């Protein structure tokens, strides 16, 4: 560290070090200086606050004149002299001003967050909280959240409202942990507490498959669904949900399928975006082949189910899903179709290991037998056909 009269000429003449930093203090204003690094020169102010040295960035050299920077430094030195920790105040202000959009972006970028979770959580924010994107987290009150939770309960069901709450809480708590001053969080507690305090949050047990209770009506409403407003999107929805029911795929797995992973000649398709991170190849039985053939007439490259009017693949088909629910008079969700597939498989006497292979369930480390059972797509063809034939019989009311 050196001491010199800081002027524009003397600062311009300061060489940049190859690494690290060098600080040059002003000989006229104690506590005012310039920090020089390999790529920048910065005005700084330094004083003691509560017995500890605090160094504050004033401005980048070039954004203020030396006289302006010296004057600004005097203000900050005066604040520190009165016990105000300027850096702490800046950190608090930044944390309190963070918006939902900024917080959820950092949350979804967490290195340890899996791709499947990143996609699912992102859809929750887009679908249920996008109108809050520009709001500072501190301005989202418990009353606001309670009102949103009630709306989700009424329009989407308890399970959806619960999921939205859990994802929002995870984002909020993560944001609290990364914005600390002296080891303490700046943000208040997550505003979901009022929902639990008022008893609005209710645990939902794993549901039985609801679609099977009225499968003929489900297929009939699907076939006669009004798609006049936008027929391509409506037809894609019909094929998408039919594929979920007939293959047991997860919603995101089917939505992100690409044509390059479908071989109609060989009679197999491969899912890449799976929950357990492994590629999953399944047989194409005639009922499923018919779905792919219809899709191929509309789209031969890229995603089998492309996003409507946007890049990427299909998201949550809310519009036609709501239309079908209304026409059928039954609230169901996309995951019900996977449950229905599993239920039909059990009814059709498909053994447990085969069903796990069809559903691509991860194997438990303590299940030694499962480690020896490796079923190919050909091994799964007959069970898949049996399930689809059983679905057809249920749809026709023969069972």
Protein backbone atom coordinates (compact mmCIF):
# COMPACT_ATOMS: atom_id res chain seq x y z
CA UNK A 1 0.00 0.00 0.00
CA UNK A 2 1.21 3.49 -0.81
CA UNK A 3 0.15 7.06 -0.10
CA UNK A 4 -0.08 9.73 -2.77
CA UNK A 5 -2.17 12.67 -3.88
CA UNK A 6 -4.91 11.13 -5.96
CA UNK A 7 -5.54 13.03 -9.17
CA UNK A 8 -6.77 11.90 -12.58
CA UNK A 9 -3.22 11.91 -13.91
CA UNK A 10 -1.74 10.00 -10.95
CA UNK A 11 -4.52 7.42 -11.04
CA UNK A 12 -4.22 6.95 -14.83
CA UNK A 13 -0.49 6.36 -14.35
CA UNK A 14 -0.97 3.55 -11.81
CA UNK A 15 0.03 0.20 -13.40
CA UNK A 16 -2.22 -2.84 -13.20
CA UNK A 17 -0.64 -5.74 -11.28
CA UNK A 18 -0.35 -9.15 -12.96
CA UNK A 19 -2.44 -10.65 -10.16
CA UNK A 20 -3.94 -9.72 -6.81
CA UNK A 21 -4.56 -6.08 -5.91
CA UNK A 22 -2.70 -2.96 -4.85
CA UNK A 23 -4.21 -0.11 -2.83
CA UNK A 24 -3.06 3.49 -3.07
CA UNK A 25 -4.32 5.87 -0.35
CA UNK A 26 -5.00 9.54 -0.81
CA UNK A 27 -2.56 11.75 1.10
CA UNK A 28 -5.20 14.48 1.52
CA UNK A 29 -8.28 12.50 2.60
CA UNK A 30 -7.62 9.72 5.16
CA UNK A 31 -9.58 6.57 4.36
CA UNK A 32 -10.00 7.43 0.65
CA UNK A 33 -8.10 5.38 -1.88
CA UNK A 34 -7.93 3.53 -5.19
CA UNK A 35 -7.80 -0.27 -5.47
CA UNK A 36 -6.03 -1.52 -8.60
CA UNK A 37 -6.49 -5.08 -9.88
CA UNK A 38 -5.41 -6.73 -13.18
CA UNK A 39 -8.57 -5.54 -14.87
CA UNK A 40 -9.98 -2.57 -12.97
CA UNK A 41 -9.42 0.53 -10.87
CA UNK A 42 -11.92 1.30 -8.11
CA UNK A 43 -12.42 4.17 -5.65
CA UNK A 44 -12.74 2.86 -2.08
CA UNK A 45 -13.38 4.20 1.42
CA UNK A 46 -12.15 2.52 4.61
CA UNK A 47 -12.92 3.15 8.28
CA UNK A 48 -13.62 1.25 11.49
CA UNK A 49 -17.13 0.26 12.54
CA UNK A 50 -17.66 -1.33 15.93
CA UNK A 51 -13.95 -1.97 16.30
CA UNK A 52 -13.71 -3.75 12.91
CA UNK A 53 -12.22 -2.42 9.68
CA UNK A 54 -14.75 -1.96 6.90
CA UNK A 55 -13.78 -1.26 3.28
CA UNK A 56 -16.47 0.02 0.90
CA UNK A 57 -16.54 0.38 -2.87
CA UNK A 58 -17.31 3.99 -3.81
CA UNK A 59 -17.35 3.73 -7.62
CA UNK A 60 -15.37 2.46 -10.57
CA UNK A 61 -12.69 4.88 -11.76
CA UNK A 62 -14.05 6.67 -14.79
CA UNK A 63 -17.65 6.79 -13.61
CA UNK A 64 -16.91 9.68 -11.21
CA UNK A 65 -14.27 12.40 -11.27
CA UNK A 66 -11.68 12.30 -8.48
CA UNK A 67 -13.39 15.25 -6.78
CA UNK A 68 -16.80 13.56 -6.98
CA UNK A 69 -15.40 10.28 -5.70
CA UNK A 70 -13.65 12.03 -2.81
CA UNK A 71 -16.90 13.75 -1.87
CA UNK A 72 -18.85 10.47 -1.99
CA UNK A 73 -16.14 8.77 0.06
CA UNK A 74 -16.48 11.47 2.72
CA UNK A 75 -20.19 10.64 3.05
CA UNK A 76 -19.50 6.95 3.50
CA UNK A 77 -16.62 7.59 5.91
CA UNK A 78 -18.97 9.82 7.92
CA UNK A 79 -21.60 7.06 8.06
CA UNK A 80 -19.03 4.54 9.26
CA UNK A 81 -17.77 7.03 11.87
CA UNK A 82 -21.29 7.09 13.34
CA UNK A 83 -21.40 3.28 13.54
CA UNK A 84 -23.21 2.53 10.26
CA UNK A 85 -21.86 -0.52 8.44
CA UNK A 86 -22.24 0.61 4.84
CA UNK A 87 -21.53 -2.83 3.33
CA UNK A 88 -24.09 -4.41 5.62
CA UNK A 89 -26.67 -1.79 4.70
CA UNK A 90 -26.03 -2.40 0.99
CA UNK A 91 -26.33 -6.16 1.42
CA UNK A 92 -29.58 -5.79 3.35
CA UNK A 93 -31.03 -3.45 0.73
CA UNK A 94 -30.06 -5.83 -2.08
CA UNK A 95 -31.53 -8.86 -0.30
CA UNK A 96 -34.76 -7.07 0.54
CA UNK A 97 -35.14 -5.92 -3.05
CA UNK A 98 -34.71 -9.34 -4.67
CA UNK A 99 -37.69 -10.19 -6.87
CA UNK A 100 -39.45 -13.51 -7.23
CA UNK A 101 -38.04 -13.85 -10.75
CA UNK A 102 -34.48 -13.31 -9.52
CA UNK A 103 -34.93 -15.66 -6.56
CA UNK A 104 -36.50 -18.50 -8.54
CA UNK A 105 -33.86 -18.21 -11.27
CA UNK A 106 -31.06 -18.68 -8.71
CA UNK A 107 -33.03 -21.46 -7.02
CA UNK A 108 -33.53 -23.36 -10.29
CA UNK A 109 -29.84 -22.94 -11.13
CA UNK A 110 -28.71 -24.82 -8.01
CA UNK A 111 -26.01 -27.30 -9.10
CA UNK A 112 -27.49 -30.20 -7.13
CA UNK A 113 -31.01 -29.76 -8.53
CA UNK A 114 -31.80 -32.57 -11.00
CA UNK A 115 -33.04 -31.79 -14.50
CA UNK A 116 -36.43 -33.39 -13.82
CA UNK A 117 -36.92 -31.36 -10.63
CA UNK A 118 -35.67 -28.20 -12.37
CA UNK A 119 -38.29 -28.68 -15.09
CA UNK A 120 -41.14 -29.52 -12.67
CA UNK A 121 -40.36 -26.63 -10.31
CA UNK A 122 -40.00 -24.24 -13.23
CA UNK A 123 -43.46 -25.22 -14.48
CA UNK A 124 -44.92 -24.52 -11.03
CA UNK A 125 -43.53 -20.97 -11.06
CA UNK A 126 -44.65 -20.35 -14.65
CA UNK A 127 -48.12 -21.75 -14.14
CA UNK A 128 -49.03 -20.49 -10.66
CA UNK A 129 -46.77 -17.56 -9.73
CA UNK A 130 -45.73 -15.80 -12.97
CA UNK A 131 -47.81 -12.71 -12.12
CA UNK A 132 -45.58 -12.20 -9.05
CA UNK A 133 -42.31 -12.23 -11.04
CA UNK A 134 -41.57 -8.52 -10.56
CA UNK A 135 -42.61 -8.39 -6.91
CA UNK A 136 -39.92 -8.19 -4.24
CA UNK A 137 -40.12 -11.25 -1.99
CA UNK A 138 -40.49 -9.01 1.05
CA UNK A 139 -43.69 -7.60 -0.49
CA UNK A 140 -45.37 -11.02 -0.83
CA UNK A 141 -47.43 -11.16 2.33
CA UNK A 142 -48.95 -14.12 4.12
CA UNK A 143 -52.41 -12.83 3.17
CA UNK A 144 -51.44 -12.77 -0.51
CA UNK A 145 -50.14 -16.32 -0.35
CA UNK A 146 -53.21 -17.56 1.53
CA UNK A 147 -55.45 -16.07 -1.17
CA UNK A 148 -53.38 -17.72 -3.93
CA UNK A 149 -53.41 -21.06 -2.10
CA UNK A 150 -57.21 -20.97 -1.76
CA UNK A 151 -57.55 -20.20 -5.48
CA UNK A 152 -55.36 -23.18 -6.36
CA UNK A 153 -57.39 -25.43 -4.06
CA UNK A 154 -60.64 -24.42 -5.73
CA UNK A 155 -59.44 -24.48 -9.34
CA UNK A 156 -56.76 -27.19 -9.36
CA UNK A 157 -57.32 -29.33 -6.29
CA UNK A 158 -55.64 -29.87 -2.94
CA UNK A 159 -52.68 -31.84 -4.29
CA UNK A 160 -51.75 -29.12 -6.78
CA UNK A 161 -52.08 -26.39 -4.14
CA UNK A 162 -49.87 -28.41 -1.79
CA UNK A 163 -47.21 -28.89 -4.48
CA UNK A 164 -47.19 -25.17 -5.29
CA UNK A 165 -46.76 -24.40 -1.59
CA UNK A 166 -43.86 -26.82 -1.20
CA UNK A 167 -42.00 -25.50 -4.25
CA UNK A 168 -42.54 -21.86 -3.22
CA UNK A 169 -41.33 -22.64 0.32
CA UNK A 170 -38.20 -24.38 -0.99
CA UNK A 171 -37.35 -21.38 -3.16
CA UNK A 172 -37.95 -18.93 -0.30
CA UNK A 173 -35.91 -20.88 2.26
CA UNK A 174 -33.03 -21.32 -0.19
CA UNK A 175 -33.03 -17.56 -0.87
CA UNK A 176 -32.95 -16.86 2.89
CA UNK A 177 -29.88 -19.03 3.34
CA UNK A 178 -27.85 -17.33 0.61
CA UNK A 179 -28.60 -13.78 1.75
CA UNK A 180 -27.07 -13.46 5.21
CA UNK A 181 -25.55 -10.59 7.15
CA UNK A 182 -23.37 -11.56 10.13
CA UNK A 183 -24.70 -15.10 9.72
CA UNK A 184 -28.35 -14.05 10.05
CA UNK A 185 -30.99 -14.12 7.27
CA UNK A 186 -32.30 -10.81 5.97
CA UNK A 187 -35.61 -12.08 4.58
CA UNK A 188 -38.46 -12.85 6.98
CA UNK A 189 -39.97 -16.29 7.41
CA UNK A 190 -41.74 -17.71 4.36
CA UNK A 191 -45.32 -16.33 4.19
CA UNK A 192 -46.86 -19.80 3.84
CA UNK A 193 -47.14 -20.09 7.63
CA UNK A 194 -50.66 -18.63 7.64
CA UNK A 195 -51.88 -21.43 5.36
CA UNK A 196 -50.85 -24.07 7.86
CA UNK A 197 -51.93 -21.99 10.84
CA UNK A 198 -55.46 -21.77 9.42
CA UNK A 199 -55.55 -25.49 8.63
CA UNK A 200 -55.87 -24.97 4.85
CA UNK A 201 -52.95 -27.29 4.10
CA UNK A 202 -54.14 -30.89 4.14
CA UNK A 203 -51.95 -33.87 3.39
CA UNK A 204 -53.24 -35.80 0.40
CA UNK A 205 -52.73 -39.54 0.45
CA UNK A 206 -51.66 -41.35 -2.70
CA UNK A 207 -54.81 -41.51 -4.78
CA UNK A 208 -56.32 -44.47 -6.55
CA UNK A 209 -56.60 -44.07 -10.32
CA UNK A 210 -59.70 -41.95 -10.97
CA UNK A 211 -59.78 -42.24 -14.78
CA UNK A 212 -60.51 -45.97 -14.65
CA UNK A 213 -63.71 -45.30 -12.76
CA UNK A 214 -65.21 -43.95 -15.97
CA UNK A 215 -62.91 -45.00 -18.81
CA UNK A 216 -65.62 -45.24 -21.53
CA UNK A 217 -66.65 -41.66 -20.75
CA UNK A 218 -63.01 -40.58 -20.66
CA UNK A 219 -62.35 -41.89 -24.18
CA UNK A 220 -65.69 -40.61 -25.48
CA UNK A 221 -65.05 -37.08 -24.17
CA UNK A 222 -61.54 -37.21 -25.61
CA UNK A 223 -62.77 -38.23 -29.06
CA UNK A 224 -65.48 -35.55 -29.09
CA UNK A 225 -63.44 -32.78 -27.47
CA UNK A 226 -64.15 -29.39 -29.04
CA UNK A 227 -60.92 -28.34 -30.79
CA UNK A 228 -62.43 -25.82 -33.21
CA UNK A 229 -60.49 -22.92 -31.65
CA UNK A 230 -57.13 -24.48 -32.51
CA UNK A 231 -57.38 -27.96 -34.00
CA UNK A 232 -53.61 -28.74 -34.18
CA UNK A 233 -53.16 -28.11 -30.45
CA UNK A 234 -56.34 -30.00 -29.63
CA UNK A 235 -55.34 -33.02 -31.69
CA UNK A 236 -51.89 -33.00 -30.08
CA UNK A 237 -53.51 -32.99 -26.65
CA UNK A 238 -55.67 -35.99 -27.53
CA UNK A 239 -52.68 -38.01 -28.70
CA UNK A 240 -50.53 -36.86 -25.79
CA UNK A 241 -52.90 -38.00 -23.03
CA UNK A 242 -53.75 -41.20 -24.91
CA UNK A 243 -50.02 -41.97 -25.07
CA UNK A 244 -49.66 -41.37 -21.32
CA UNK A 245 -52.47 -43.79 -20.57
CA UNK A 246 -51.25 -46.47 -22.99
CA UNK A 247 -47.54 -46.38 -22.03
CA UNK A 248 -47.49 -45.30 -18.38
CA UNK A 249 -44.96 -42.58 -19.18
CA UNK A 250 -44.54 -39.58 -16.91
CA UNK A 251 -45.94 -36.38 -18.37
CA UNK A 252 -42.54 -34.73 -18.89
CA UNK A 253 -41.08 -37.90 -20.42
CA UNK A 254 -43.73 -38.05 -23.14
CA UNK A 255 -43.73 -34.28 -23.72
CA UNK A 256 -39.98 -34.18 -24.43
CA UNK A 257 -39.82 -37.17 -26.81
CA UNK A 258 -38.07 -36.61 -30.14
CA UNK A 259 -38.70 -38.31 -33.48
CA UNK A 260 -35.10 -39.46 -33.65
CA UNK A 261 -35.83 -41.75 -30.67
CA UNK A 262 -38.84 -43.44 -32.30
CA UNK A 263 -38.36 -46.38 -34.68
CA UNK A 264 -41.68 -47.45 -36.12
CA UNK A 265 -40.00 -50.04 -38.35
CA UNK A 266 -38.33 -51.84 -35.44
CA UNK A 267 -41.27 -51.07 -33.15
CA UNK A 268 -39.52 -49.38 -30.23
CA UNK A 269 -39.13 -45.90 -28.77
CA UNK A 270 -36.63 -44.53 -26.26
CA UNK A 271 -37.29 -41.96 -23.56
CA UNK A 272 -34.29 -39.81 -22.64
CA UNK A 273 -35.70 -37.39 -20.07
CA UNK A 274 -36.39 -39.88 -17.28
CA UNK A 275 -36.70 -39.38 -13.55
CA UNK A 276 -33.93 -41.80 -12.63
CA UNK A 277 -31.58 -40.50 -15.32
CA UNK A 278 -31.41 -43.67 -17.44
CA UNK A 279 -32.61 -44.10 -21.03
CA UNK A 280 -35.78 -46.17 -21.18
CA UNK A 281 -36.68 -48.20 -24.29
CA UNK A 282 -40.19 -49.60 -24.70
CA UNK A 283 -42.01 -51.59 -27.40
CA UNK A 284 -44.48 -49.95 -29.76
CA UNK A 285 -47.69 -51.97 -29.81
CA UNK A 286 -50.37 -51.31 -32.48
CA UNK A 287 -52.43 -48.94 -30.27
CA UNK A 288 -49.34 -46.84 -29.59
CA UNK A 289 -48.18 -47.04 -33.22
CA UNK A 290 -51.49 -45.47 -34.28
CA UNK A 291 -50.77 -42.48 -32.02
CA UNK A 292 -47.27 -42.01 -33.45
CA UNK A 293 -48.57 -42.32 -37.01
CA UNK A 294 -51.08 -39.53 -36.40
CA UNK A 295 -48.38 -37.35 -34.88
CA UNK A 296 -46.04 -38.05 -37.79
CA UNK A 297 -48.60 -36.69 -40.22
CA UNK A 298 -48.44 -33.36 -38.36
CA UNK A 299 -44.75 -33.24 -37.34
CA UNK A 300 -41.84 -35.28 -38.66
CA UNK A 301 -38.83 -33.60 -37.01
CA UNK A 302 -37.86 -32.35 -33.58
CA UNK A 303 -40.27 -32.98 -30.72
CA UNK A 304 -43.19 -35.36 -31.15
CA UNK A 305 -45.26 -32.88 -29.14
CA UNK A 306 -43.84 -29.42 -29.93
CA UNK A 307 -44.88 -26.36 -27.93
CA UNK A 308 -47.81 -24.48 -29.39
CA UNK A 309 -46.44 -21.35 -31.07
CA UNK A 310 -43.16 -21.47 -29.12
CA UNK A 311 -39.82 -23.23 -29.24
CA UNK A 312 -39.29 -26.36 -27.18
CA UNK A 313 -41.72 -29.13 -26.30
CA UNK A 314 -45.24 -29.26 -24.95
CA UNK A 315 -45.79 -27.96 -21.44
CA UNK A 316 -48.86 -28.33 -19.25
CA UNK A 317 -51.82 -28.50 -21.72
CA UNK A 318 -54.05 -26.54 -19.36
CA UNK A 319 -56.65 -25.32 -21.87
CA UNK A 320 -57.73 -28.68 -23.26
CA UNK A 321 -57.19 -30.48 -19.97
CA UNK A 322 -59.74 -28.14 -18.38
CA UNK A 323 -62.10 -28.61 -21.33
CA UNK A 324 -61.97 -32.38 -20.98
CA UNK A 325 -62.50 -32.23 -17.21
CA UNK A 326 -65.54 -30.02 -17.69
CA UNK A 327 -67.01 -32.23 -20.41
CA UNK A 328 -66.48 -35.36 -18.33
CA UNK A 329 -67.49 -33.84 -15.01
CA UNK A 330 -64.42 -35.38 -13.36
CA UNK A 331 -61.24 -33.74 -12.08
CA UNK A 332 -58.22 -35.76 -13.17
CA UNK A 333 -54.57 -34.93 -13.74
CA UNK A 334 -51.89 -36.26 -16.04
CA UNK A 335 -50.28 -38.45 -13.40
CA UNK A 336 -53.62 -40.25 -12.94
CA UNK A 337 -52.99 -41.80 -16.36
CA UNK A 338 -49.74 -43.37 -15.16
CA UNK A 339 -51.54 -44.70 -12.08
CA UNK A 340 -54.29 -46.07 -14.33
CA UNK A 341 -51.72 -47.86 -16.50
CA UNK A 342 -50.20 -49.46 -13.39
CA UNK A 343 -53.62 -50.47 -12.07
CA UNK A 344 -54.60 -52.09 -15.37
CA UNK A 345 -51.27 -53.91 -15.45
CA UNK A 346 -52.00 -55.38 -12.03
CA UNK A 347 -55.52 -56.37 -13.09
CA UNK A 348 -54.07 -57.99 -16.21
CA UNK A 349 -51.79 -60.13 -13.99
CA UNK A 350 -48.53 -58.47 -15.02
CA UNK A 351 -45.88 -59.44 -12.46
CA UNK A 352 -44.22 -56.82 -10.27
CA UNK A 353 -40.75 -56.92 -11.86
CA UNK A 354 -42.21 -56.53 -15.34
CA UNK A 355 -44.37 -53.62 -14.22
CA UNK A 356 -41.34 -51.92 -12.64
CA UNK A 357 -39.49 -52.31 -15.93
CA UNK A 358 -42.42 -50.86 -17.89
CA UNK A 359 -42.67 -47.88 -15.55
CA UNK A 360 -38.87 -47.48 -15.31
CA UNK A 361 -38.96 -47.48 -11.53
CA UNK A 362 -35.54 -47.29 -9.92
CA UNK A 363 -34.42 -50.49 -8.22
CA UNK A 364 -33.86 -50.55 -4.49
CA UNK A 365 -30.30 -51.31 -3.52
CA UNK A 366 -31.44 -54.08 -1.15
CA UNK A 367 -33.55 -55.86 -3.81
CA UNK A 368 -31.04 -58.49 -4.93
CA UNK A 369 -33.48 -60.32 -7.20
CA UNK A 370 -34.32 -57.16 -9.15
CA UNK A 371 -30.64 -56.83 -9.97
CA UNK A 372 -30.77 -60.08 -11.93
CA UNK A 373 -33.94 -59.17 -13.86
CA UNK A 374 -33.03 -57.19 -16.98
CA UNK A 375 -35.94 -57.09 -19.40
CA UNK A 376 -35.49 -55.88 -22.97
CA UNK A 377 -38.06 -54.03 -25.07
CA UNK A 378 -38.93 -57.36 -26.71
CA UNK A 379 -39.46 -58.96 -23.29
CA UNK A 380 -41.91 -56.14 -22.53
CA UNK A 381 -43.83 -56.31 -25.83
CA UNK A 382 -46.30 -58.98 -24.78
CA UNK A 383 -47.07 -57.37 -21.37
CA UNK A 384 -47.49 -53.96 -23.04
CA UNK A 385 -49.87 -55.48 -25.58
CA UNK A 386 -51.81 -57.21 -22.84
CA UNK A 387 -52.25 -53.92 -20.94
CA UNK A 388 -53.39 -52.05 -24.05
CA UNK A 389 -55.88 -54.78 -24.98
CA UNK A 390 -57.22 -54.63 -21.44
CA UNK A 391 -57.58 -50.86 -21.75
CA UNK A 392 -59.57 -51.30 -24.96
CA UNK A 393 -61.93 -53.75 -23.25
CA UNK A 394 -62.40 -51.34 -20.35
CA UNK A 395 -63.06 -48.46 -22.74
CA UNK A 396 -65.76 -50.48 -24.49
CA UNK A 397 -67.36 -51.40 -21.17
CA UNK A 398 -66.65 -55.11 -21.67
CA UNK A 399 -65.04 -55.47 -18.25
